[in-house]
Each structure stands twice: as structure tokens, then as C-alpha cells.
Amino acid sequence: INLQTKQGYKKATAIGVALVNVVVATVACTSSDVGSLDVLTTKITAAQSELTTAIIKQKIKIKEAVEAINKAIATITAVNKILAANGQTIFGPPGITLATVTAPTLPPVATNQGGSTVPKTTESSAQAVSRGKVAVEAKIQAVA
């Protein structure tokens, strides 16, 4: 999955939706299938993390842009007051300030041995992955 691209996010979403709709009771698979599933699960987890980070980065950019616009409006309003007080022509009305926007902080990252950063896995998501593996392994043993 090519992360950081629109196509990559679409593919990761499609795979994630397909996996969510799987009914464990109807799954019959081999150990090779489980291995393939583990690989896909790892890729999906990475794509979800990348997507979450990309969304947060865009929200931060929007927050910063709104702050810059509001600051510019305040500056123009202040300058207009000074110009009007001195009998000079004012700038056109700058408009009203925009509602403030909040943005979440980026998730913490860890540095791997290669020096690149990777998002830290939260305990709850690690537990969820573990529970999923246990369920699949139990199903495999029941079939075998």
C-alpha cells in the first residue's frame, strides 16, 4: 500500500472495511492464510496511523490559517481606526473574524533502529490485535 497518497488511503480503507465485515465463525483458513492476514493487518495498521497523522496535520494547518486570518483582520481594523482618527482614507472593511479552530496534537513517535520514526502503538490497539489473532488461531485449531 503506497501510504501518503490518495490511492493508498483508498486501498487501505477498502481492505479495512472488508476485514471489519468478516464473521469469524464463517472463516476457514490455513496457517498460510493467517500469515497473509497478519501481513495485511500490519499494513492496514500502518495505513491507519499514516492517515490519522495526515488528518491531524491538515487540522493543524487549518487552525494556523484561521489564526493568521483573524490576526490580519485585527491588524486591518486597528489600522483603519488610526487612519480614520487622522482623517485619512481607510481600507475596506476586513470582515469578521472566523471562529477559532482546535486541532489535536500529533501522536507520539518512536525512532526505530534504522533512524526513521514510527507511531507508537497504544496499548488498547495492541490488545485488540492480540485478541483478533487469538480468535483466528482458535478457529484454525477447531477446523484442524
Protein backbone atom coordinates (compact mmCIF):
# COMPACT_ATOMS: atom_id res chain seq x y z
CA ILE A 1 0.00 0.00 0.00
CA ASN A 2 1.50 3.30 -1.07
CA LEU A 3 0.96 5.45 2.01
CA GLN A 4 0.68 9.24 1.88
CA THR A 5 -1.28 9.07 -1.38
CA LYS A 6 -4.99 9.31 -2.04
CA GLN A 7 -4.96 5.95 -3.84
CA GLY A 8 -3.08 4.32 -0.96
CA TYR A 9 -5.60 5.59 1.59
CA LYS A 10 -8.48 4.36 -0.59
CA LYS A 11 -6.94 0.89 -0.84
CA ALA A 12 -6.25 0.74 2.91
CA THR A 13 -9.83 1.83 3.63
CA ALA A 14 -11.26 -0.80 1.28
CA ILE A 15 -9.18 -3.53 2.90
CA GLY A 16 -10.12 -2.31 6.37
CA VAL A 17 -13.83 -2.28 5.53
CA ALA A 18 -13.58 -5.80 4.12
CA LEU A 19 -11.83 -7.04 7.26
CA VAL A 20 -14.38 -5.43 9.55
CA ASN A 21 -17.16 -7.29 7.75
CA VAL A 22 -15.54 -10.72 8.25
CA VAL A 23 -17.54 -13.04 10.51
CA VAL A 24 -15.05 -15.15 12.46
CA ALA A 25 -17.44 -18.10 12.75
CA THR A 26 -17.58 -18.48 8.96
CA VAL A 27 -13.83 -18.24 8.37
CA ALA A 28 -11.96 -21.40 7.45
CA CYS A 29 -8.30 -20.82 6.71
CA THR A 30 -4.87 -22.39 6.71
CA SER A 31 -1.82 -21.22 8.60
CA SER A 32 -0.64 -19.65 5.33
CA ASP A 33 -3.87 -17.66 5.21
CA VAL A 34 -3.27 -16.47 8.76
CA GLY A 35 0.24 -15.38 7.81
CA SER A 36 -1.15 -13.39 4.87
CA LEU A 37 -3.75 -11.87 7.16
CA ASP A 38 -1.06 -10.85 9.64
CA VAL A 39 0.87 -9.11 6.85
CA LEU A 40 -2.26 -7.27 5.72
CA THR A 41 -3.15 -6.35 9.29
CA THR A 42 0.28 -4.81 9.77
CA LYS A 43 -0.07 -2.82 6.55
CA ILE A 44 -3.57 -1.65 7.47
CA THR A 45 -2.42 -0.58 10.94
CA ALA A 46 0.40 1.41 9.33
CA ALA A 47 -2.00 2.99 6.84
CA GLN A 48 -4.45 3.92 9.60
CA SER A 49 -1.65 5.53 11.55
CA GLU A 50 -0.45 7.46 8.49
CA LEU A 51 -4.00 8.59 7.74
CA THR A 52 -4.60 9.73 11.31
CA THR A 53 -1.34 11.69 11.25
CA ALA A 54 -2.17 13.26 7.86
CA ILE A 55 -5.62 14.34 9.11
CA ILE A 56 -4.14 15.87 12.25
CA LYS A 57 -1.52 17.73 10.19
CA GLN A 58 -4.25 19.20 7.96
CA LYS A 59 -6.30 20.24 11.01
CA ILE A 60 -3.23 21.98 12.42
CA LYS A 61 -2.73 23.81 9.10
CA ILE A 62 -6.38 24.93 9.13
CA LYS A 63 -6.05 26.14 12.73
CA GLU A 64 -2.92 28.12 11.87
CA ALA A 65 -4.57 29.63 8.77
CA VAL A 66 -7.64 30.73 10.77
CA GLU A 67 -5.36 32.29 13.38
CA ALA A 68 -3.43 34.15 10.66
CA ILE A 69 -6.67 35.41 9.06
CA ASN A 70 -8.01 36.61 12.40
CA LYS A 71 -4.72 38.35 13.16
CA ALA A 72 -4.81 40.09 9.76
CA ILE A 73 -8.41 41.21 10.36
CA ALA A 74 -7.43 42.62 13.75
CA THR A 75 -4.47 44.45 12.20
CA ILE A 76 -6.57 45.95 9.39
CA THR A 77 -9.24 47.02 11.88
CA ALA A 78 -6.62 48.69 14.10
CA VAL A 79 -5.02 50.43 11.11
CA ASN A 80 -8.44 51.62 9.91
CA LYS A 81 -9.08 53.20 13.31
CA ILE A 82 -5.74 55.02 13.18
CA LEU A 83 -6.35 56.17 9.60
CA ALA A 84 -9.87 57.37 10.44
CA ALA A 85 -8.59 59.22 13.52
CA ASN A 86 -6.07 61.05 11.31
CA GLY A 87 -8.66 61.90 8.67
CA GLN A 88 -7.21 59.60 6.03
CA THR A 89 -8.91 57.08 3.76
CA ILE A 90 -9.40 53.71 5.41
CA PHE A 91 -9.08 50.28 3.89
CA GLY A 92 -12.28 48.43 3.07
CA PRO A 93 -13.91 46.55 5.93
CA PRO A 94 -11.83 43.43 6.60
CA GLY A 95 -14.82 41.30 7.56
CA ILE A 96 -15.49 39.45 10.76
CA THR A 97 -13.11 37.12 12.48
CA LEU A 98 -13.51 33.40 11.97
CA ALA A 99 -14.45 31.04 14.77
CA THR A 100 -11.39 29.60 16.44
CA VAL A 101 -10.49 26.07 15.46
CA THR A 102 -8.98 23.44 17.71
CA ALA A 103 -6.63 20.81 16.43
CA PRO A 104 -5.41 17.66 18.17
CA THR A 105 -1.73 17.14 18.77
CA LEU A 106 0.23 14.68 16.70
CA PRO A 107 0.61 11.21 18.21
CA PRO A 108 3.95 10.43 19.85
CA VAL A 109 6.51 8.72 17.66
CA ALA A 110 9.34 6.35 18.40
CA THR A 111 12.57 6.01 16.46
CA ASN A 112 13.35 2.55 15.12
CA GLN A 113 16.85 1.11 14.64
CA GLY A 114 17.04 2.48 11.09
CA GLY A 115 16.58 6.01 12.44
CA SER A 116 13.13 6.56 10.95
CA THR A 117 10.20 7.49 13.14
CA VAL A 118 7.17 5.26 13.61
CA PRO A 119 3.99 5.99 15.56
CA LYS A 120 3.87 4.38 18.98
CA THR A 121 1.24 1.68 19.27
CA THR A 122 -1.26 2.30 22.02
CA GLU A 123 -1.85 -0.49 24.46
CA SER A 124 -5.50 -0.79 23.51
CA SER A 125 -4.80 -1.31 19.81
CA ALA A 126 -2.11 -3.88 20.60
CA GLN A 127 -4.59 -5.71 22.78
CA ALA A 128 -7.19 -5.62 20.02
CA VAL A 129 -4.72 -7.12 17.53
CA SER A 130 -3.82 -9.80 20.07
CA ARG A 131 -7.49 -10.66 20.63
CA GLY A 132 -8.03 -10.93 16.88
CA LYS A 133 -5.07 -13.29 16.50
CA VAL A 134 -6.29 -15.46 19.35
CA ALA A 135 -9.75 -15.72 17.75
CA VAL A 136 -8.30 -16.70 14.36
CA GLU A 137 -5.92 -19.23 15.94
CA ALA A 138 -8.79 -20.78 17.88
CA LYS A 139 -10.80 -21.08 14.67
CA ILE A 140 -7.85 -22.72 12.89
CA GLN A 141 -7.42 -25.25 15.70
CA ALA A 142 -11.15 -26.00 15.66
CA VAL A 143 -11.02 -26.70 11.91
CA ALA A 144 -7.81 -28.75 12.08
